[in-house]
Full PDB file with SEQRES, HELIX, SHEET, SSBOND, CRYST1, ORIGX, SCALE, CONECT and MASTER records, all heavy atoms in Angstrom:
SEQRES   1 A   38  ALA VAL ASP LEU ALA GLY ARG LYS MET TRP ALA GLU ASP          
SEQRES   2 A   38  THR GLY ARG TRP PHE ALA GLY SER ASP GLY ARG PRO ALA          
SEQRES   3 A   38  ARG ALA ARG GLY VAL LEU ARG LEU GLU ARG ALA ALA              
SHEET    1 AA1 3 VAL A   2  LEU A   4  0                                        
SHEET    2 AA1 3 ARG A   7  ALA A  19 -1                                        
SHEET    3 AA1 3 PRO A  25  ALA A  37 -1                                        
CRYST1    1.000    1.000    1.000  90.00  90.00  90.00 P 1           1          
ORIGX1      1.000000  0.000000  0.000000        0.00000                         
ORIGX2      0.000000  1.000000  0.000000        0.00000                         
ORIGX3      0.000000  0.000000  1.000000        0.00000                         
SCALE1      1.000000  0.000000  0.000000        0.00000                         
SCALE2      0.000000  1.000000  0.000000        0.00000                         
SCALE3      0.000000  0.000000  1.000000        0.00000                         
ATOM      1  N   ALA A   1      -2.855  -8.818   4.381  1.00  0.00           N  
ATOM      2  CA  ALA A   1      -2.637  -8.797   5.824  1.00  0.00           C  
ATOM      3  C   ALA A   1      -1.203  -8.375   6.089  1.00  0.00           C  
ATOM      4  O   ALA A   1      -0.284  -8.778   5.369  1.00  0.00           O  
ATOM      5  CB  ALA A   1      -2.917 -10.163   6.434  1.00  0.00           C  
ATOM      6  N   VAL A   2      -1.025  -7.559   7.120  1.00  0.00           N  
ATOM      7  CA  VAL A   2       0.302  -7.033   7.419  1.00  0.00           C  
ATOM      8  C   VAL A   2       0.605  -7.262   8.899  1.00  0.00           C  
ATOM      9  O   VAL A   2      -0.271  -7.154   9.759  1.00  0.00           O  
ATOM     10  CB  VAL A   2       0.381  -5.519   7.057  1.00  0.00           C  
ATOM     11  CG1 VAL A   2      -0.621  -4.714   7.845  1.00  0.00           C  
ATOM     12  CG2 VAL A   2       1.781  -4.976   7.231  1.00  0.00           C  
ATOM     13  N   ASP A   3       1.849  -7.663   9.166  1.00  0.00           N  
ATOM     14  CA  ASP A   3       2.290  -7.962  10.525  1.00  0.00           C  
ATOM     15  C   ASP A   3       2.926  -6.716  11.125  1.00  0.00           C  
ATOM     16  O   ASP A   3       4.054  -6.343  10.779  1.00  0.00           O  
ATOM     17  CB  ASP A   3       3.296  -9.117  10.505  1.00  0.00           C  
ATOM     18  CG  ASP A   3       3.667  -9.593  11.907  1.00  0.00           C  
ATOM     19  OD1 ASP A   3       3.394  -8.856  12.871  1.00  0.00           O  
ATOM     20  OD2 ASP A   3       4.225 -10.686  12.034  1.00  0.00           O  
ATOM     21  N   LEU A   4       2.215  -6.046  12.019  1.00  0.00           N  
ATOM     22  CA  LEU A   4       2.685  -4.809  12.639  1.00  0.00           C  
ATOM     23  C   LEU A   4       3.191  -5.121  14.045  1.00  0.00           C  
ATOM     24  O   LEU A   4       2.469  -4.990  15.032  1.00  0.00           O  
ATOM     25  CB  LEU A   4       1.558  -3.778  12.681  1.00  0.00           C  
ATOM     26  CG  LEU A   4       0.933  -3.424  11.323  1.00  0.00           C  
ATOM     27  CD1 LEU A   4      -0.261  -2.497  11.505  1.00  0.00           C  
ATOM     28  CD2 LEU A   4       1.963  -2.806  10.393  1.00  0.00           C  
ATOM     29  N   ALA A   5       4.443  -5.577  14.099  1.00  0.00           N  
ATOM     30  CA  ALA A   5       5.086  -5.917  15.387  1.00  0.00           C  
ATOM     31  C   ALA A   5       4.244  -6.920  16.166  1.00  0.00           C  
ATOM     32  O   ALA A   5       3.990  -6.753  17.371  1.00  0.00           O  
ATOM     33  CB  ALA A   5       5.338  -4.658  16.199  1.00  0.00           C  
ATOM     34  N   GLY A   6       3.805  -7.971  15.472  1.00  0.00           N  
ATOM     35  CA  GLY A   6       3.023  -9.014  16.116  1.00  0.00           C  
ATOM     36  C   GLY A   6       1.528  -8.816  16.047  1.00  0.00           C  
ATOM     37  O   GLY A   6       0.754  -9.734  16.361  1.00  0.00           O  
ATOM     38  N   ARG A   7       1.097  -7.640  15.640  1.00  0.00           N  
ATOM     39  CA  ARG A   7      -0.337  -7.336  15.485  1.00  0.00           C  
ATOM     40  C   ARG A   7      -0.680  -7.497  14.015  1.00  0.00           C  
ATOM     41  O   ARG A   7      -0.335  -6.662  13.193  1.00  0.00           O  
ATOM     42  CB  ARG A   7      -0.600  -5.914  15.969  1.00  0.00           C  
ATOM     43  CG  ARG A   7      -2.044  -5.475  15.960  1.00  0.00           C  
ATOM     44  CD  ARG A   7      -2.200  -4.113  16.635  1.00  0.00           C  
ATOM     45  NE  ARG A   7      -1.372  -3.104  15.993  1.00  0.00           N  
ATOM     46  CZ  ARG A   7      -1.854  -2.039  15.336  1.00  0.00           C  
ATOM     47  NH1 ARG A   7      -3.156  -1.862  15.229  1.00  0.00           N  
ATOM     48  NH2 ARG A   7      -1.041  -1.161  14.800  1.00  0.00           N  
ATOM     49  N   LYS A   8      -1.359  -8.585  13.650  1.00  0.00           N  
ATOM     50  CA  LYS A   8      -1.654  -8.873  12.250  1.00  0.00           C  
ATOM     51  C   LYS A   8      -3.006  -8.281  11.884  1.00  0.00           C  
ATOM     52  O   LYS A   8      -4.032  -8.611  12.476  1.00  0.00           O  
ATOM     53  CB  LYS A   8      -1.609 -10.375  11.992  1.00  0.00           C  
ATOM     54  CG  LYS A   8      -0.215 -10.959  12.229  1.00  0.00           C  
ATOM     55  CD  LYS A   8      -0.135 -12.425  11.917  1.00  0.00           C  
ATOM     56  CE  LYS A   8       1.296 -12.922  12.148  1.00  0.00           C  
ATOM     57  NZ  LYS A   8       1.445 -14.356  11.839  1.00  0.00           N  
ATOM     58  N   MET A   9      -2.980  -7.383  10.889  1.00  0.00           N  
ATOM     59  CA  MET A   9      -4.160  -6.623  10.514  1.00  0.00           C  
ATOM     60  C   MET A   9      -4.406  -6.728   9.011  1.00  0.00           C  
ATOM     61  O   MET A   9      -3.461  -6.785   8.221  1.00  0.00           O  
ATOM     62  CB  MET A   9      -3.968  -5.143  10.872  1.00  0.00           C  
ATOM     63  CG  MET A   9      -3.701  -4.860  12.333  1.00  0.00           C  
ATOM     64  SD  MET A   9      -5.171  -5.086  13.358  1.00  0.00           S  
ATOM     65  CE  MET A   9      -6.219  -3.755  12.744  1.00  0.00           C  
ATOM     66  N   TRP A  10      -5.690  -6.728   8.627  1.00  0.00           N  
ATOM     67  CA  TRP A  10      -6.031  -6.588   7.219  1.00  0.00           C  
ATOM     68  C   TRP A  10      -5.922  -5.118   6.837  1.00  0.00           C  
ATOM     69  O   TRP A  10      -6.356  -4.241   7.582  1.00  0.00           O  
ATOM     70  CB  TRP A  10      -7.447  -7.079   6.941  1.00  0.00           C  
ATOM     71  CG  TRP A  10      -7.567  -8.566   6.912  1.00  0.00           C  
ATOM     72  CD1 TRP A  10      -8.159  -9.378   7.829  1.00  0.00           C  
ATOM     73  CD2 TRP A  10      -7.059  -9.433   5.885  1.00  0.00           C  
ATOM     74  NE1 TRP A  10      -8.056 -10.696   7.456  1.00  0.00           N  
ATOM     75  CE2 TRP A  10      -7.388 -10.761   6.261  1.00  0.00           C  
ATOM     76  CE3 TRP A  10      -6.361  -9.224   4.705  1.00  0.00           C  
ATOM     77  CZ2 TRP A  10      -7.036 -11.868   5.495  1.00  0.00           C  
ATOM     78  CZ3 TRP A  10      -6.005 -10.322   3.930  1.00  0.00           C  
ATOM     79  CH2 TRP A  10      -6.344 -11.620   4.317  1.00  0.00           C  
ATOM     80  N   ALA A  11      -5.322  -4.864   5.682  1.00  0.00           N  
ATOM     81  CA  ALA A  11      -5.128  -3.490   5.231  1.00  0.00           C  
ATOM     82  C   ALA A  11      -5.580  -3.350   3.788  1.00  0.00           C  
ATOM     83  O   ALA A  11      -5.345  -4.237   2.959  1.00  0.00           O  
ATOM     84  CB  ALA A  11      -3.660  -3.094   5.342  1.00  0.00           C  
ATOM     85  N   GLU A  12      -6.252  -2.239   3.500  1.00  0.00           N  
ATOM     86  CA  GLU A  12      -6.580  -1.886   2.123  1.00  0.00           C  
ATOM     87  C   GLU A  12      -5.596  -0.818   1.670  1.00  0.00           C  
ATOM     88  O   GLU A  12      -5.380   0.168   2.375  1.00  0.00           O  
ATOM     89  CB  GLU A  12      -8.007  -1.363   2.013  1.00  0.00           C  
ATOM     90  CG  GLU A  12      -8.421  -1.077   0.569  1.00  0.00           C  
ATOM     91  CD  GLU A  12      -9.844  -0.562   0.454  1.00  0.00           C  
ATOM     92  OE1 GLU A  12     -10.182   0.392   1.163  1.00  0.00           O  
ATOM     93  OE2 GLU A  12     -10.607  -1.112  -0.357  1.00  0.00           O  
ATOM     94  N   ASP A  13      -4.986  -1.020   0.517  1.00  0.00           N  
ATOM     95  CA  ASP A  13      -3.922  -0.148   0.009  1.00  0.00           C  
ATOM     96  C   ASP A  13      -4.351   0.364  -1.361  1.00  0.00           C  
ATOM     97  O   ASP A  13      -4.452  -0.413  -2.317  1.00  0.00           O  
ATOM     98  CB  ASP A  13      -2.621  -0.954  -0.089  1.00  0.00           C  
ATOM     99  CG  ASP A  13      -1.391  -0.073  -0.238  1.00  0.00           C  
ATOM    100  OD1 ASP A  13      -1.538   1.066  -0.705  1.00  0.00           O  
ATOM    101  OD2 ASP A  13      -0.288  -0.539   0.096  1.00  0.00           O  
ATOM    102  N   THR A  14      -4.637   1.657  -1.470  1.00  0.00           N  
ATOM    103  CA  THR A  14      -5.093   2.227  -2.736  1.00  0.00           C  
ATOM    104  C   THR A  14      -4.275   3.466  -3.075  1.00  0.00           C  
ATOM    105  O   THR A  14      -3.772   4.148  -2.184  1.00  0.00           O  
ATOM    106  CB  THR A  14      -6.582   2.621  -2.681  1.00  0.00           C  
ATOM    107  OG1 THR A  14      -6.758   3.632  -1.674  1.00  0.00           O  
ATOM    108  CG2 THR A  14      -7.461   1.441  -2.343  1.00  0.00           C  
ATOM    109  N   GLY A  15      -4.140   3.734  -4.347  1.00  0.00           N  
ATOM    110  CA  GLY A  15      -3.392   4.919  -4.746  1.00  0.00           C  
ATOM    111  C   GLY A  15      -3.285   5.035  -6.251  1.00  0.00           C  
ATOM    112  O   GLY A  15      -4.070   4.443  -7.006  1.00  0.00           O  
ATOM    113  N   ARG A  16      -2.297   5.771  -6.672  1.00  0.00           N  
ATOM    114  CA  ARG A  16      -2.071   6.003  -8.089  1.00  0.00           C  
ATOM    115  C   ARG A  16      -0.564   6.025  -8.321  1.00  0.00           C  
ATOM    116  O   ARG A  16       0.172   6.645  -7.562  1.00  0.00           O  
ATOM    117  CB  ARG A  16      -2.690   7.354  -8.488  1.00  0.00           C  
ATOM    118  CG  ARG A  16      -2.907   7.517  -9.984  1.00  0.00           C  
ATOM    119  CD  ARG A  16      -3.821   8.704 -10.243  1.00  0.00           C  
ATOM    120  NE  ARG A  16      -5.198   8.401  -9.907  1.00  0.00           N  
ATOM    121  CZ  ARG A  16      -6.235   8.596 -10.710  1.00  0.00           C  
ATOM    122  NH1 ARG A  16      -6.058   9.107 -11.905  1.00  0.00           N  
ATOM    123  NH2 ARG A  16      -7.452   8.311 -10.319  1.00  0.00           N  
ATOM    124  N   TRP A  17      -0.117   5.293  -9.360  1.00  0.00           N  
ATOM    125  CA  TRP A  17       1.311   5.317  -9.679  1.00  0.00           C  
ATOM    126  C   TRP A  17       1.550   6.168 -10.926  1.00  0.00           C  
ATOM    127  O   TRP A  17       0.670   6.311 -11.776  1.00  0.00           O  
ATOM    128  CB  TRP A  17       1.891   3.916  -9.852  1.00  0.00           C  
ATOM    129  CG  TRP A  17       1.342   3.069 -10.973  1.00  0.00           C  
ATOM    130  CD1 TRP A  17       0.381   2.114 -10.890  1.00  0.00           C  
ATOM    131  CD2 TRP A  17       1.762   3.078 -12.361  1.00  0.00           C  
ATOM    132  NE1 TRP A  17       0.158   1.536 -12.122  1.00  0.00           N  
ATOM    133  CE2 TRP A  17       0.988   2.103 -13.039  1.00  0.00           C  
ATOM    134  CE3 TRP A  17       2.703   3.814 -13.077  1.00  0.00           C  
ATOM    135  CZ2 TRP A  17       1.146   1.856 -14.403  1.00  0.00           C  
ATOM    136  CZ3 TRP A  17       2.852   3.568 -14.437  1.00  0.00           C  
ATOM    137  CH2 TRP A  17       2.079   2.599 -15.086  1.00  0.00           C  
ATOM    138  N   PHE A  18       2.760   6.735 -10.967  1.00  0.00           N  
ATOM    139  CA  PHE A  18       3.142   7.631 -12.051  1.00  0.00           C  
ATOM    140  C   PHE A  18       4.426   7.101 -12.690  1.00  0.00           C  
ATOM    141  O   PHE A  18       5.336   6.644 -12.002  1.00  0.00           O  
ATOM    142  CB  PHE A  18       3.354   9.048 -11.521  1.00  0.00           C  
ATOM    143  CG  PHE A  18       2.126   9.609 -10.862  1.00  0.00           C  
ATOM    144  CD1 PHE A  18       1.861   9.351  -9.519  1.00  0.00           C  
ATOM    145  CD2 PHE A  18       1.229  10.380 -11.574  1.00  0.00           C  
ATOM    146  CE1 PHE A  18       0.731   9.850  -8.896  1.00  0.00           C  
ATOM    147  CE2 PHE A  18       0.086  10.889 -10.967  1.00  0.00           C  
ATOM    148  CZ  PHE A  18      -0.164  10.616  -9.626  1.00  0.00           C  
ATOM    149  N   ALA A  19       4.471   7.164 -14.022  1.00  0.00           N  
ATOM    150  CA  ALA A  19       5.578   6.555 -14.762  1.00  0.00           C  
ATOM    151  C   ALA A  19       6.787   7.472 -14.823  1.00  0.00           C  
ATOM    152  O   ALA A  19       6.684   8.695 -14.752  1.00  0.00           O  
ATOM    153  CB  ALA A  19       5.132   6.202 -16.177  1.00  0.00           C  
ATOM    154  N   GLY A  20       7.962   6.831 -14.976  1.00  0.00           N  
ATOM    155  CA  GLY A  20       9.189   7.557 -15.264  1.00  0.00           C  
ATOM    156  C   GLY A  20       9.367   7.702 -16.762  1.00  0.00           C  
ATOM    157  O   GLY A  20       8.474   7.393 -17.559  1.00  0.00           O  
ATOM    158  N   SER A  21      10.544   8.141 -17.172  1.00  0.00           N  
ATOM    159  CA  SER A  21      10.788   8.392 -18.596  1.00  0.00           C  
ATOM    160  C   SER A  21      10.792   7.113 -19.417  1.00  0.00           C  
ATOM    161  O   SER A  21      10.621   7.163 -20.637  1.00  0.00           O  
ATOM    162  CB  SER A  21      12.122   9.134 -18.771  1.00  0.00           C  
ATOM    163  OG  SER A  21      13.178   8.422 -18.152  1.00  0.00           O  
ATOM    164  N   ASP A  22      10.980   5.948 -18.757  1.00  0.00           N  
ATOM    165  CA  ASP A  22      10.956   4.679 -19.484  1.00  0.00           C  
ATOM    166  C   ASP A  22       9.557   4.069 -19.536  1.00  0.00           C  
ATOM    167  O   ASP A  22       9.365   2.974 -20.061  1.00  0.00           O  
ATOM    168  CB  ASP A  22      11.935   3.679 -18.854  1.00  0.00           C  
ATOM    169  CG  ASP A  22      11.639   3.406 -17.386  1.00  0.00           C  
ATOM    170  OD1 ASP A  22      10.668   3.978 -16.856  1.00  0.00           O  
ATOM    171  OD2 ASP A  22      12.387   2.619 -16.767  1.00  0.00           O  
ATOM    172  N   GLY A  23       8.562   4.782 -18.994  1.00  0.00           N  
ATOM    173  CA  GLY A  23       7.189   4.293 -19.023  1.00  0.00           C  
ATOM    174  C   GLY A  23       6.823   3.380 -17.871  1.00  0.00           C  
ATOM    175  O   GLY A  23       5.658   3.033 -17.696  1.00  0.00           O  
ATOM    176  N   ARG A  24       7.810   2.982 -17.077  1.00  0.00           N  
ATOM    177  CA  ARG A  24       7.541   2.079 -15.950  1.00  0.00           C  
ATOM    178  C   ARG A  24       7.240   2.888 -14.683  1.00  0.00           C  
ATOM    179  O   ARG A  24       7.625   4.048 -14.585  1.00  0.00           O  
ATOM    180  CB  ARG A  24       8.746   1.159 -15.716  1.00  0.00           C  
ATOM    181  CG  ARG A  24       8.974   0.194 -16.865  1.00  0.00           C  
ATOM    182  CD  ARG A  24      10.072  -0.773 -16.522  1.00  0.00           C  
ATOM    183  NE  ARG A  24      10.310  -1.716 -17.607  1.00  0.00           N  
ATOM    184  CZ  ARG A  24      11.167  -2.714 -17.544  1.00  0.00           C  
ATOM    185  NH1 ARG A  24      11.894  -2.884 -16.460  1.00  0.00           N  
ATOM    186  NH2 ARG A  24      11.312  -3.532 -18.562  1.00  0.00           N  
ATOM    187  N   PRO A  25       6.583   2.252 -13.714  1.00  0.00           N  
ATOM    188  CA  PRO A  25       6.269   2.979 -12.482  1.00  0.00           C  
ATOM    189  C   PRO A  25       7.511   3.565 -11.818  1.00  0.00           C  
ATOM    190  O   PRO A  25       8.504   2.861 -11.611  1.00  0.00           O  
ATOM    191  CB  PRO A  25       5.617   1.903 -11.602  1.00  0.00           C  
ATOM    192  CG  PRO A  25       5.023   0.926 -12.568  1.00  0.00           C  
ATOM    193  CD  PRO A  25       5.988   0.885 -13.723  1.00  0.00           C  
ATOM    194  N   ALA A  26       7.453   4.855 -11.503  1.00  0.00           N  
ATOM    195  CA  ALA A  26       8.580   5.535 -10.860  1.00  0.00           C  
ATOM    196  C   ALA A  26       8.198   6.083  -9.491  1.00  0.00           C  
ATOM    197  O   ALA A  26       9.055   6.204  -8.620  1.00  0.00           O  
ATOM    198  CB  ALA A  26       9.076   6.681 -11.744  1.00  0.00           C  
ATOM    199  N   ARG A  27       6.921   6.409  -9.307  1.00  0.00           N  
ATOM    200  CA  ARG A  27       6.484   7.004  -8.048  1.00  0.00           C  
ATOM    201  C   ARG A  27       5.040   6.617  -7.797  1.00  0.00           C  
ATOM    202  O   ARG A  27       4.256   6.454  -8.732  1.00  0.00           O  
ATOM    203  CB  ARG A  27       6.610   8.533  -8.108  1.00  0.00           C  
ATOM    204  CG  ARG A  27       6.155   9.272  -6.876  1.00  0.00           C  
ATOM    205  CD  ARG A  27       6.428  10.777  -6.991  1.00  0.00           C  
ATOM    206  NE  ARG A  27       5.713  11.381  -8.101  1.00  0.00           N  
ATOM    207  CZ  ARG A  27       4.477  11.859  -8.001  1.00  0.00           C  
ATOM    208  NH1 ARG A  27       3.813  11.768  -6.861  1.00  0.00           N  
ATOM    209  NH2 ARG A  27       3.891  12.414  -9.049  1.00  0.00           N  
ATOM    210  N   ALA A  28       4.699   6.433  -6.536  1.00  0.00           N  
ATOM    211  CA  ALA A  28       3.317   6.113  -6.176  1.00  0.00           C  
ATOM    212  C   ALA A  28       2.895   6.977  -4.994  1.00  0.00           C  
ATOM    213  O   ALA A  28       3.711   7.309  -4.129  1.00  0.00           O  
ATOM    214  CB  ALA A  28       3.185   4.638  -5.815  1.00  0.00           C  
ATOM    215  N   ARG A  29       1.629   7.336  -4.992  1.00  0.00           N  
ATOM    216  CA  ARG A  29       1.056   8.067  -3.867  1.00  0.00           C  
ATOM    217  C   ARG A  29      -0.260   7.396  -3.512  1.00  0.00           C  
ATOM    218  O   ARG A  29      -1.086   7.131  -4.394  1.00  0.00           O  
ATOM    219  CB  ARG A  29       0.816   9.529  -4.212  1.00  0.00           C  
ATOM    220  CG  ARG A  29       0.211  10.331  -3.065  1.00  0.00           C  
ATOM    221  CD  ARG A  29       0.177  11.816  -3.333  1.00  0.00           C  
ATOM    222  NE  ARG A  29      -0.441  12.530  -2.233  1.00  0.00           N  
ATOM    223  CZ  ARG A  29       0.170  12.857  -1.098  1.00  0.00           C  
ATOM    224  NH1 ARG A  29       1.444  12.517  -0.933  1.00  0.00           N  
ATOM    225  NH2 ARG A  29      -0.455  13.502  -0.135  1.00  0.00           N  
ATOM    226  N   GLY A  30      -0.453   7.076  -2.235  1.00  0.00           N  
ATOM    227  CA  GLY A  30      -1.663   6.363  -1.877  1.00  0.00           C  
ATOM    228  C   GLY A  30      -1.990   6.503  -0.406  1.00  0.00           C  
ATOM    229  O   GLY A  30      -1.378   7.279   0.330  1.00  0.00           O  
ATOM    230  N   VAL A  31      -2.971   5.721   0.005  1.00  0.00           N  
ATOM    231  CA  VAL A  31      -3.392   5.715   1.406  1.00  0.00           C  
ATOM    232  C   VAL A  31      -3.567   4.271   1.848  1.00  0.00           C  
ATOM    233  O   VAL A  31      -4.125   3.444   1.125  1.00  0.00           O  
ATOM    234  CB  VAL A  31      -4.692   6.525   1.598  1.00  0.00           C  
ATOM    235  CG1 VAL A  31      -5.822   5.961   0.757  1.00  0.00           C  
ATOM    236  CG2 VAL A  31      -5.093   6.574   3.071  1.00  0.00           C  
ATOM    237  N   LEU A  32      -3.042   3.959   3.029  1.00  0.00           N  
ATOM    238  CA  LEU A  32      -3.179   2.638   3.638  1.00  0.00           C  
ATOM    239  C   LEU A  32      -4.224   2.733   4.735  1.00  0.00           C  
ATOM    240  O   LEU A  32      -4.152   3.621   5.593  1.00  0.00           O  
ATOM    241  CB  LEU A  32      -1.840   2.185   4.221  1.00  0.00           C  
ATOM    242  CG  LEU A  32      -1.810   0.770   4.800  1.00  0.00           C  
ATOM    243  CD1 LEU A  32      -1.748  -0.246   3.670  1.00  0.00           C  
ATOM    244  CD2 LEU A  32      -0.620   0.587   5.739  1.00  0.00           C  
ATOM    245  N   ARG A  33      -5.188   1.836   4.713  1.00  0.00           N  
ATOM    246  CA  ARG A  33      -6.251   1.843   5.714  1.00  0.00           C  
ATOM    247  C   ARG A  33      -6.305   0.493   6.415  1.00  0.00           C  
ATOM    248  O   ARG A  33      -6.480  -0.541   5.772  1.00  0.00           O  
ATOM    249  CB  ARG A  33      -7.607   2.139   5.057  1.00  0.00           C  
ATOM    250  CG  ARG A  33      -8.784   2.146   6.039  1.00  0.00           C  
ATOM    251  CD  ARG A  33     -10.050   2.667   5.375  1.00  0.00           C  
ATOM    252  NE  ARG A  33     -10.506   1.767   4.327  1.00  0.00           N  
ATOM    253  CZ  ARG A  33     -11.377   0.775   4.527  1.00  0.00           C  
ATOM    254  NH1 ARG A  33     -11.876   0.550   5.732  1.00  0.00           N  
ATOM    255  NH2 ARG A  33     -11.756   0.014   3.530  1.00  0.00           N  
ATOM    256  N   LEU A  34      -6.119   0.500   7.722  1.00  0.00           N  
ATOM    257  CA  LEU A  34      -6.234  -0.731   8.506  1.00  0.00           C  
ATOM    258  C   LEU A  34      -7.709  -1.035   8.728  1.00  0.00           C  
ATOM    259  O   LEU A  34      -8.472  -0.164   9.157  1.00  0.00           O  
ATOM    260  CB  LEU A  34      -5.517  -0.587   9.849  1.00  0.00           C  
ATOM    261  CG  LEU A  34      -4.003  -0.354   9.789  1.00  0.00           C  
ATOM    262  CD1 LEU A  34      -3.418  -0.374  11.197  1.00  0.00           C  
ATOM    263  CD2 LEU A  34      -3.309  -1.378   8.907  1.00  0.00           C  
ATOM    264  N   GLU A  35      -8.105  -2.284   8.429  1.00  0.00           N  
ATOM    265  CA  GLU A  35      -9.516  -2.657   8.527  1.00  0.00           C  
ATOM    266  C   GLU A  35      -9.844  -3.319   9.859  1.00  0.00           C  
ATOM    267  O   GLU A  35     -10.646  -2.826  10.634  1.00  0.00           O  
ATOM    268  CB  GLU A  35      -9.890  -3.599   7.381  1.00  0.00           C  
ATOM    269  CG  GLU A  35      -9.772  -2.971   5.996  1.00  0.00           C  
ATOM    270  CD  GLU A  35     -10.126  -3.952   4.900  1.00  0.00           C  
ATOM    271  OE1 GLU A  35     -10.131  -5.177   5.172  1.00  0.00           O  
ATOM    272  OE2 GLU A  35     -10.396  -3.514   3.776  1.00  0.00           O  
ATOM    273  N   ARG A  36      -9.229  -4.477  10.107  1.00  0.00           N  
ATOM    274  CA  ARG A  36      -9.520  -5.237  11.328  1.00  0.00           C  
ATOM    275  C   ARG A  36      -8.405  -6.242  11.546  1.00  0.00           C  
ATOM    276  O   ARG A  36      -7.539  -6.435  10.694  1.00  0.00           O  
ATOM    277  CB  ARG A  36     -10.856  -5.976  11.182  1.00  0.00           C  
ATOM    278  CG  ARG A  36     -10.897  -6.955  10.020  1.00  0.00           C  
ATOM    279  CD  ARG A  36     -12.190  -7.754   9.986  1.00  0.00           C  
ATOM    280  NE  ARG A  36     -12.267  -8.623   8.830  1.00  0.00           N  
ATOM    281  CZ  ARG A  36     -11.687  -9.824   8.744  1.00  0.00           C  
ATOM    282  NH1 ARG A  36     -10.955 -10.288   9.760  1.00  0.00           N  
ATOM    283  NH2 ARG A  36     -11.814 -10.559   7.649  1.00  0.00           N  
ATOM    284  N   ALA A  37      -8.440  -6.889  12.711  1.00  0.00           N  
ATOM    285  CA  ALA A  37      -7.434  -7.911  13.011  1.00  0.00           C  
ATOM    286  C   ALA A  37      -7.641  -9.120  12.109  1.00  0.00           C  
ATOM    287  O   ALA A  37      -8.781  -9.498  11.789  1.00  0.00           O  
ATOM    288  CB  ALA A  37      -7.527  -8.313  14.476  1.00  0.00           C  
ATOM    289  N   ALA A  38      -6.534  -9.704  11.673  1.00  0.00           N  
ATOM    290  CA  ALA A  38      -6.591 -10.898  10.821  1.00  0.00           C  
ATOM    291  C   ALA A  38      -6.589 -12.147  11.698  1.00  0.00           C  
ATOM    292  O   ALA A  38      -5.751 -12.276  12.602  1.00  0.00           O  
ATOM    293  CB  ALA A  38      -5.394 -10.921   9.874  1.00  0.00           C  
TER     294      ALA A  38                                                      
MASTER        0    0    0    0    3    0    0    6  293    1    0    3          
END                                                                             
């Protein structure tokens, strides 16, 4: 659930992360979808 200036909504957050040279996450690309009011 995310608080959008007082409007609390359930959100689904999906994507894919890509590692840096140390193998740890360095960049992510995804899509946020608002579902309904919480």
